[in-house]
Amino acid sequence: MNQSKNQTEREKYVRAFNKTMIRIWQEQMRLLNVFDTGALYRSTVAVSLQADGKYTSVTLSQSFNTYGLFVDYGTGSNTPRGNSGDLGEGFTNRRKRKRWFSRKYFASVMNIQEFFADNLGRDCCLAISSALNPDAMRRVITM
């Protein structure tokens, strides 16, 4: 596989990543019944993709309503504001954790990291083997 094929492969993977993350999050919300008004479900969007020309440095952004993190961690409105931090022995959290975000996001980040390590590693091997080509070495030595 040559460098241009590797670059094309990286570009396709990165472009599909944002769309796939949104689809996975919305699927998790449906499976875990993370619905009240549907605002969180509708708020999940892929915001931006920034990449250098060869897709070796990439920044991906997604967005959703902030309270979605509280849903994921099972915290939020049932804790009174201004509390001392010690909620007492009688306090029970009525919210149940619905991990629509954290598990899938971490796994997906690890997948993209593994993909880039493999893909860029192949590019690096190709560059080194091309530099160590006997014909290229002869040209450098005879100059």
N, C-alpha and C. Protein backbone atom coordinates (compact mmCIF):
# COMPACT_ATOMS: atom_id res chain seq x y z
N MET A 1 0.87 -1.19 0.00
CA MET A 1 0.00 0.00 0.00
C MET A 1 0.91 1.23 0.00
N ASN A 2 0.65 2.19 -0.88
CA ASN A 2 1.50 3.37 -0.92
C ASN A 2 0.95 4.49 -0.04
N GLN A 3 1.72 5.57 0.06
CA GLN A 3 1.35 6.66 0.97
C GLN A 3 0.04 7.32 0.59
N SER A 4 -0.25 7.49 -0.70
CA SER A 4 -1.49 8.16 -1.09
C SER A 4 -2.71 7.29 -0.72
N LYS A 5 -2.58 5.97 -0.81
CA LYS A 5 -3.67 5.09 -0.39
C LYS A 5 -3.87 5.19 1.12
N ASN A 6 -2.77 5.24 1.87
CA ASN A 6 -2.87 5.39 3.33
C ASN A 6 -3.55 6.71 3.69
N GLN A 7 -3.18 7.76 2.98
CA GLN A 7 -3.78 9.08 3.25
C GLN A 7 -5.28 9.05 2.94
N THR A 8 -5.66 8.46 1.83
CA THR A 8 -7.07 8.35 1.46
C THR A 8 -7.83 7.54 2.51
N GLU A 9 -7.20 6.47 2.98
CA GLU A 9 -7.81 5.64 4.02
C GLU A 9 -8.03 6.44 5.31
N ARG A 10 -7.02 7.25 5.69
CA ARG A 10 -7.15 8.10 6.89
C ARG A 10 -8.27 9.11 6.72
N GLU A 11 -8.35 9.73 5.55
CA GLU A 11 -9.37 10.74 5.30
C GLU A 11 -10.78 10.13 5.41
N LYS A 12 -10.98 8.97 4.81
CA LYS A 12 -12.29 8.31 4.87
C LYS A 12 -12.65 7.97 6.32
N TYR A 13 -11.69 7.44 7.07
CA TYR A 13 -11.94 7.04 8.46
C TYR A 13 -12.33 8.24 9.31
N VAL A 14 -11.57 9.33 9.16
CA VAL A 14 -11.83 10.53 9.96
C VAL A 14 -13.18 11.14 9.61
N ARG A 15 -13.50 11.22 8.34
CA ARG A 15 -14.79 11.80 7.92
C ARG A 15 -15.97 10.97 8.44
N ALA A 16 -15.81 9.67 8.49
CA ALA A 16 -16.88 8.81 8.97
C ALA A 16 -16.99 8.82 10.50
N PHE A 17 -15.90 9.17 11.20
CA PHE A 17 -15.87 9.07 12.66
C PHE A 17 -16.94 9.94 13.31
N ASN A 18 -17.02 11.22 12.94
CA ASN A 18 -18.00 12.12 13.57
C ASN A 18 -19.43 11.62 13.37
N LYS A 19 -19.76 11.26 12.13
CA LYS A 19 -21.12 10.77 11.85
C LYS A 19 -21.42 9.51 12.65
N THR A 20 -20.44 8.63 12.73
CA THR A 20 -20.62 7.38 13.46
C THR A 20 -20.81 7.64 14.95
N MET A 21 -20.05 8.56 15.53
CA MET A 21 -20.19 8.86 16.96
C MET A 21 -21.60 9.36 17.26
N ILE A 22 -22.11 10.25 16.45
CA ILE A 22 -23.46 10.78 16.67
C ILE A 22 -24.48 9.65 16.59
N ARG A 23 -24.34 8.79 15.59
CA ARG A 23 -25.26 7.67 15.44
C ARG A 23 -25.19 6.73 16.64
N ILE A 24 -23.99 6.44 17.14
CA ILE A 24 -23.82 5.56 18.30
C ILE A 24 -24.45 6.19 19.54
N TRP A 25 -24.20 7.49 19.77
CA TRP A 25 -24.77 8.15 20.95
C TRP A 25 -26.29 8.13 20.91
N GLN A 26 -26.86 8.43 19.76
CA GLN A 26 -28.31 8.44 19.65
C GLN A 26 -28.88 7.03 19.85
N GLU A 27 -28.18 6.04 19.34
CA GLU A 27 -28.61 4.66 19.55
C GLU A 27 -28.57 4.30 21.04
N GLN A 28 -27.51 4.71 21.73
CA GLN A 28 -27.39 4.45 23.17
C GLN A 28 -28.50 5.14 23.95
N MET A 29 -28.85 6.36 23.55
CA MET A 29 -29.93 7.08 24.22
C MET A 29 -31.25 6.32 24.08
N ARG A 30 -31.49 5.78 22.89
CA ARG A 30 -32.72 5.00 22.68
C ARG A 30 -32.70 3.73 23.52
N LEU A 31 -31.57 3.01 23.50
CA LEU A 31 -31.48 1.75 24.24
C LEU A 31 -31.61 1.95 25.75
N LEU A 32 -31.04 3.04 26.28
CA LEU A 32 -31.05 3.29 27.72
C LEU A 32 -32.23 4.15 28.16
N ASN A 33 -33.10 4.49 27.22
CA ASN A 33 -34.28 5.32 27.49
C ASN A 33 -33.89 6.67 28.12
N VAL A 34 -32.95 7.34 27.47
CA VAL A 34 -32.51 8.66 27.93
C VAL A 34 -33.36 9.70 27.21
N PHE A 35 -34.63 9.74 27.56
CA PHE A 35 -35.55 10.67 26.93
C PHE A 35 -36.42 11.33 27.99
N ASP A 36 -36.58 12.59 27.87
CA ASP A 36 -37.60 13.31 28.62
C ASP A 36 -38.33 14.18 27.60
N THR A 37 -37.62 15.20 27.14
CA THR A 37 -38.20 16.08 26.12
C THR A 37 -37.64 15.78 24.73
N GLY A 38 -36.54 15.01 24.66
CA GLY A 38 -35.88 14.74 23.38
C GLY A 38 -34.84 15.79 23.02
N ALA A 39 -34.66 16.79 23.89
CA ALA A 39 -33.71 17.87 23.59
C ALA A 39 -32.27 17.36 23.52
N LEU A 40 -31.88 16.47 24.41
CA LEU A 40 -30.52 15.92 24.39
C LEU A 40 -30.30 15.13 23.11
N TYR A 41 -31.25 14.32 22.75
CA TYR A 41 -31.14 13.51 21.52
C TYR A 41 -30.95 14.41 20.30
N ARG A 42 -31.74 15.46 20.23
CA ARG A 42 -31.65 16.38 19.07
C ARG A 42 -30.39 17.25 19.12
N SER A 43 -29.79 17.41 20.29
CA SER A 43 -28.64 18.32 20.42
C SER A 43 -27.32 17.70 19.97
N THR A 44 -27.27 16.39 19.78
CA THR A 44 -26.01 15.75 19.39
C THR A 44 -25.69 16.04 17.93
N VAL A 45 -24.60 16.74 17.69
CA VAL A 45 -24.18 17.09 16.34
C VAL A 45 -22.66 17.02 16.21
N ALA A 46 -22.20 16.73 15.01
CA ALA A 46 -20.77 16.80 14.70
C ALA A 46 -20.47 18.25 14.35
N VAL A 47 -19.60 18.88 15.13
CA VAL A 47 -19.37 20.31 14.97
C VAL A 47 -18.33 20.61 13.90
N SER A 48 -17.15 20.00 14.02
CA SER A 48 -16.11 20.34 13.05
C SER A 48 -15.10 19.23 12.88
N LEU A 49 -14.38 19.35 11.79
CA LEU A 49 -13.28 18.47 11.46
C LEU A 49 -12.16 19.36 10.95
N GLN A 50 -11.03 19.30 11.61
CA GLN A 50 -9.86 20.04 11.14
C GLN A 50 -8.74 19.03 10.93
N ALA A 51 -8.08 19.10 9.78
CA ALA A 51 -7.01 18.16 9.50
C ALA A 51 -5.96 18.85 8.64
N ASP A 52 -4.72 18.44 8.84
CA ASP A 52 -3.68 18.94 7.94
C ASP A 52 -3.85 18.25 6.60
N GLY A 53 -3.08 18.62 5.62
CA GLY A 53 -3.26 18.11 4.26
C GLY A 53 -3.13 16.61 4.11
N LYS A 54 -2.34 15.98 4.97
CA LYS A 54 -2.12 14.54 4.85
C LYS A 54 -2.91 13.73 5.88
N TYR A 55 -3.75 14.40 6.63
CA TYR A 55 -4.54 13.74 7.68
C TYR A 55 -3.65 13.00 8.68
N THR A 56 -2.54 13.64 9.04
CA THR A 56 -1.70 13.08 10.10
C THR A 56 -1.99 13.76 11.44
N SER A 57 -2.54 14.95 11.40
CA SER A 57 -2.94 15.69 12.60
C SER A 57 -4.40 16.07 12.43
N VAL A 58 -5.25 15.57 13.32
CA VAL A 58 -6.70 15.73 13.16
C VAL A 58 -7.32 16.20 14.45
N THR A 59 -8.28 17.14 14.34
CA THR A 59 -9.08 17.57 15.48
C THR A 59 -10.55 17.38 15.11
N LEU A 60 -11.25 16.58 15.90
CA LEU A 60 -12.67 16.32 15.67
C LEU A 60 -13.47 16.92 16.83
N SER A 61 -14.61 17.48 16.53
CA SER A 61 -15.45 18.07 17.58
C SER A 61 -16.89 17.60 17.42
N GLN A 62 -17.48 17.23 18.55
CA GLN A 62 -18.89 16.91 18.59
C GLN A 62 -19.50 17.77 19.70
N SER A 63 -20.82 17.93 19.65
CA SER A 63 -21.49 18.77 20.64
C SER A 63 -22.80 18.13 21.06
N PHE A 64 -23.16 18.38 22.32
CA PHE A 64 -24.47 17.98 22.83
C PHE A 64 -24.75 18.84 24.05
N ASN A 65 -25.99 18.87 24.47
CA ASN A 65 -26.35 19.66 25.65
C ASN A 65 -25.54 19.19 26.86
N THR A 66 -25.04 20.14 27.65
CA THR A 66 -24.16 19.83 28.77
C THR A 66 -24.81 18.88 29.77
N TYR A 67 -26.10 19.01 30.00
CA TYR A 67 -26.73 18.16 31.01
C TYR A 67 -26.66 16.68 30.64
N GLY A 68 -26.31 16.39 29.40
CA GLY A 68 -26.13 15.00 29.00
C GLY A 68 -25.04 14.30 29.80
N LEU A 69 -24.01 15.05 30.21
CA LEU A 69 -22.97 14.46 31.06
C LEU A 69 -23.51 14.09 32.43
N PHE A 70 -24.41 14.93 32.96
CA PHE A 70 -25.01 14.62 34.27
C PHE A 70 -25.88 13.37 34.18
N VAL A 71 -26.55 13.19 33.05
CA VAL A 71 -27.35 11.99 32.83
C VAL A 71 -26.42 10.78 32.78
N ASP A 72 -25.30 10.92 32.07
CA ASP A 72 -24.34 9.84 31.94
C ASP A 72 -23.79 9.42 33.31
N TYR A 73 -23.52 10.39 34.18
CA TYR A 73 -22.95 10.10 35.49
C TYR A 73 -23.99 9.88 36.58
N GLY A 74 -25.25 10.09 36.28
CA GLY A 74 -26.30 9.87 37.25
C GLY A 74 -26.34 10.91 38.36
N THR A 75 -26.03 12.14 38.03
CA THR A 75 -26.06 13.23 39.01
C THR A 75 -27.00 14.31 38.50
N GLY A 76 -27.25 15.31 39.32
CA GLY A 76 -28.03 16.41 38.79
C GLY A 76 -29.04 17.00 39.73
N SER A 77 -30.23 17.22 39.24
CA SER A 77 -31.22 18.10 39.87
C SER A 77 -31.75 17.63 41.22
N ASN A 78 -31.53 16.39 41.63
CA ASN A 78 -32.05 15.96 42.92
C ASN A 78 -31.13 16.33 44.08
N THR A 79 -30.01 17.00 43.82
CA THR A 79 -29.11 17.46 44.86
C THR A 79 -29.36 18.95 45.06
N PRO A 80 -29.70 19.36 46.30
CA PRO A 80 -30.01 20.78 46.52
C PRO A 80 -28.80 21.68 46.30
N ARG A 81 -29.04 22.87 45.73
CA ARG A 81 -27.98 23.86 45.52
C ARG A 81 -27.53 24.41 46.87
N GLY A 82 -26.26 24.78 46.92
CA GLY A 82 -25.73 25.39 48.13
C GLY A 82 -25.54 24.41 49.27
N ASN A 83 -25.55 23.11 48.99
CA ASN A 83 -25.36 22.14 50.06
C ASN A 83 -23.91 22.15 50.52
N SER A 84 -23.66 21.65 51.70
CA SER A 84 -22.32 21.68 52.29
C SER A 84 -21.40 20.61 51.72
N GLY A 85 -21.94 19.73 50.95
CA GLY A 85 -21.15 18.63 50.42
C GLY A 85 -21.42 17.34 51.16
N ASP A 86 -21.84 17.45 52.43
CA ASP A 86 -22.22 16.28 53.21
C ASP A 86 -23.74 16.17 53.15
N LEU A 87 -24.24 15.29 52.35
CA LEU A 87 -25.68 15.18 52.15
C LEU A 87 -26.36 14.31 53.20
N GLY A 88 -25.58 13.76 54.10
CA GLY A 88 -26.14 13.00 55.21
C GLY A 88 -26.43 11.56 54.86
N GLU A 89 -26.69 10.80 55.89
CA GLU A 89 -26.92 9.37 55.72
C GLU A 89 -28.26 9.08 55.04
N GLY A 90 -29.23 9.95 55.21
CA GLY A 90 -30.55 9.71 54.67
C GLY A 90 -30.69 10.02 53.18
N PHE A 91 -29.66 10.63 52.60
CA PHE A 91 -29.75 11.02 51.18
C PHE A 91 -29.61 9.81 50.28
N THR A 92 -30.52 9.68 49.36
CA THR A 92 -30.40 8.65 48.33
C THR A 92 -30.54 9.33 46.98
N ASN A 93 -29.66 8.98 46.11
CA ASN A 93 -29.69 9.54 44.76
C ASN A 93 -30.80 8.85 43.98
N ARG A 94 -31.80 9.61 43.57
CA ARG A 94 -32.92 9.05 42.82
C ARG A 94 -32.57 8.84 41.34
N ARG A 95 -31.50 9.47 40.91
CA ARG A 95 -31.11 9.31 39.51
C ARG A 95 -30.28 8.05 39.33
N LYS A 96 -30.53 7.38 38.26
CA LYS A 96 -29.76 6.20 37.90
C LYS A 96 -28.84 6.57 36.76
N ARG A 97 -27.63 6.06 36.83
CA ARG A 97 -26.64 6.35 35.79
C ARG A 97 -27.07 5.70 34.49
N LYS A 98 -27.06 6.49 33.42
CA LYS A 98 -27.37 5.99 32.08
C LYS A 98 -26.18 6.34 31.18
N ARG A 99 -25.28 5.40 31.02
CA ARG A 99 -23.99 5.64 30.38
C ARG A 99 -24.12 5.65 28.85
N TRP A 100 -24.78 6.64 28.33
CA TRP A 100 -24.97 6.77 26.88
C TRP A 100 -23.73 7.32 26.20
N PHE A 101 -22.87 8.02 26.94
CA PHE A 101 -21.75 8.75 26.35
C PHE A 101 -20.39 8.11 26.64
N SER A 102 -20.04 7.96 27.90
CA SER A 102 -18.66 7.69 28.31
C SER A 102 -18.08 6.37 27.79
N ARG A 103 -18.82 5.28 27.90
CA ARG A 103 -18.27 3.98 27.47
C ARG A 103 -17.98 3.96 25.99
N LYS A 104 -18.94 4.37 25.19
CA LYS A 104 -18.79 4.32 23.74
C LYS A 104 -17.75 5.32 23.24
N TYR A 105 -17.70 6.49 23.87
CA TYR A 105 -16.74 7.50 23.44
C TYR A 105 -15.31 7.03 23.68
N PHE A 106 -15.06 6.50 24.87
CA PHE A 106 -13.72 6.01 25.20
C PHE A 106 -13.30 4.91 24.23
N ALA A 107 -14.19 3.96 23.98
CA ALA A 107 -13.87 2.86 23.07
C ALA A 107 -13.59 3.39 21.66
N SER A 108 -14.37 4.36 21.21
CA SER A 108 -14.18 4.91 19.87
C SER A 108 -12.87 5.69 19.75
N VAL A 109 -12.52 6.42 20.80
CA VAL A 109 -11.24 7.15 20.78
C VAL A 109 -10.07 6.15 20.73
N MET A 110 -10.18 5.06 21.47
CA MET A 110 -9.12 4.04 21.43
C MET A 110 -9.05 3.40 20.03
N ASN A 111 -10.20 3.20 19.39
CA ASN A 111 -10.21 2.63 18.03
C ASN A 111 -9.53 3.56 17.03
N ILE A 112 -9.83 4.85 17.08
CA ILE A 112 -9.22 5.78 16.12
C ILE A 112 -7.72 5.91 16.39
N GLN A 113 -7.34 5.84 17.65
CA GLN A 113 -5.92 5.89 18.00
C GLN A 113 -5.18 4.67 17.43
N GLU A 114 -5.77 3.50 17.57
CA GLU A 114 -5.18 2.28 17.03
C GLU A 114 -5.10 2.33 15.51
N PHE A 115 -6.16 2.83 14.87
CA PHE A 115 -6.16 2.95 13.42
C PHE A 115 -5.03 3.86 12.95
N PHE A 116 -4.88 5.03 13.59
CA PHE A 116 -3.83 5.96 13.19
C PHE A 116 -2.44 5.39 13.44
N ALA A 117 -2.25 4.68 14.54
CA ALA A 117 -0.95 4.08 14.82
C ALA A 117 -0.58 3.09 13.72
N ASP A 118 -1.51 2.26 13.32
CA ASP A 118 -1.27 1.27 12.27
C ASP A 118 -1.04 1.95 10.93
N ASN A 119 -1.91 2.87 10.56
CA ASN A 119 -1.85 3.51 9.26
C ASN A 119 -0.59 4.36 9.11
N LEU A 120 -0.28 5.19 10.10
CA LEU A 120 0.92 6.03 10.02
C LEU A 120 2.18 5.20 10.16
N GLY A 121 2.10 4.09 10.88
CA GLY A 121 3.24 3.18 10.98
C GLY A 121 3.60 2.60 9.62
N ARG A 122 2.58 2.25 8.83
CA ARG A 122 2.83 1.74 7.48
C ARG A 122 3.48 2.82 6.61
N ASP A 123 3.01 4.07 6.75
CA ASP A 123 3.62 5.19 6.01
C ASP A 123 5.09 5.34 6.40
N CYS A 124 5.37 5.25 7.67
CA CYS A 124 6.74 5.40 8.16
C CYS A 124 7.63 4.28 7.62
N CYS A 125 7.14 3.05 7.65
CA CYS A 125 7.90 1.92 7.10
C CYS A 125 8.20 2.12 5.62
N LEU A 126 7.22 2.60 4.89
CA LEU A 126 7.39 2.85 3.46
C LEU A 126 8.45 3.92 3.22
N ALA A 127 8.41 4.99 4.01
CA ALA A 127 9.39 6.08 3.86
C ALA A 127 10.81 5.58 4.16
N ILE A 128 10.94 4.80 5.21
CA ILE A 128 12.27 4.29 5.58
C ILE A 128 12.78 3.30 4.55
N SER A 129 11.91 2.40 4.09
CA SER A 129 12.36 1.43 3.09
C SER A 129 12.71 2.12 1.77
N SER A 130 12.01 3.19 1.43
CA SER A 130 12.35 3.95 0.22
C SER A 130 13.69 4.65 0.38
N ALA A 131 13.96 5.17 1.56
CA ALA A 131 15.23 5.87 1.81
C ALA A 131 16.40 4.89 1.81
N LEU A 132 16.15 3.64 2.19
CA LEU A 132 17.22 2.64 2.24
C LEU A 132 17.33 1.82 0.96
N ASN A 133 16.60 2.22 -0.06
CA ASN A 133 16.65 1.57 -1.36
C ASN A 133 18.08 1.67 -1.88
N PRO A 134 18.66 0.57 -2.40
CA PRO A 134 20.05 0.60 -2.87
C PRO A 134 20.32 1.67 -3.93
N ASP A 135 19.36 1.90 -4.83
CA ASP A 135 19.56 2.92 -5.87
C ASP A 135 19.64 4.31 -5.25
N ALA A 136 18.76 4.58 -4.28
CA ALA A 136 18.77 5.89 -3.62
C ALA A 136 20.06 6.05 -2.82
N MET A 137 20.52 4.99 -2.18
CA MET A 137 21.77 5.07 -1.39
C MET A 137 22.96 5.36 -2.31
N ARG A 138 23.02 4.74 -3.49
CA ARG A 138 24.11 4.97 -4.43
C ARG A 138 24.15 6.44 -4.87
N ARG A 139 22.96 7.02 -5.12
CA ARG A 139 22.92 8.41 -5.57
C ARG A 139 23.43 9.33 -4.48
N VAL A 140 23.10 9.07 -3.24
CA VAL A 140 23.53 9.91 -2.12
C VAL A 140 25.05 9.80 -1.93
N ILE A 141 25.57 8.59 -2.01
CA ILE A 141 26.99 8.36 -1.77
C ILE A 141 27.85 8.94 -2.89
N THR A 142 27.40 8.90 -4.14
CA THR A 142 28.20 9.38 -5.26
C THR A 142 28.13 10.88 -5.45
N MET A 143 27.31 11.57 -4.70
CA MET A 143 27.19 13.03 -4.86
C MET A 143 28.36 13.73 -4.29
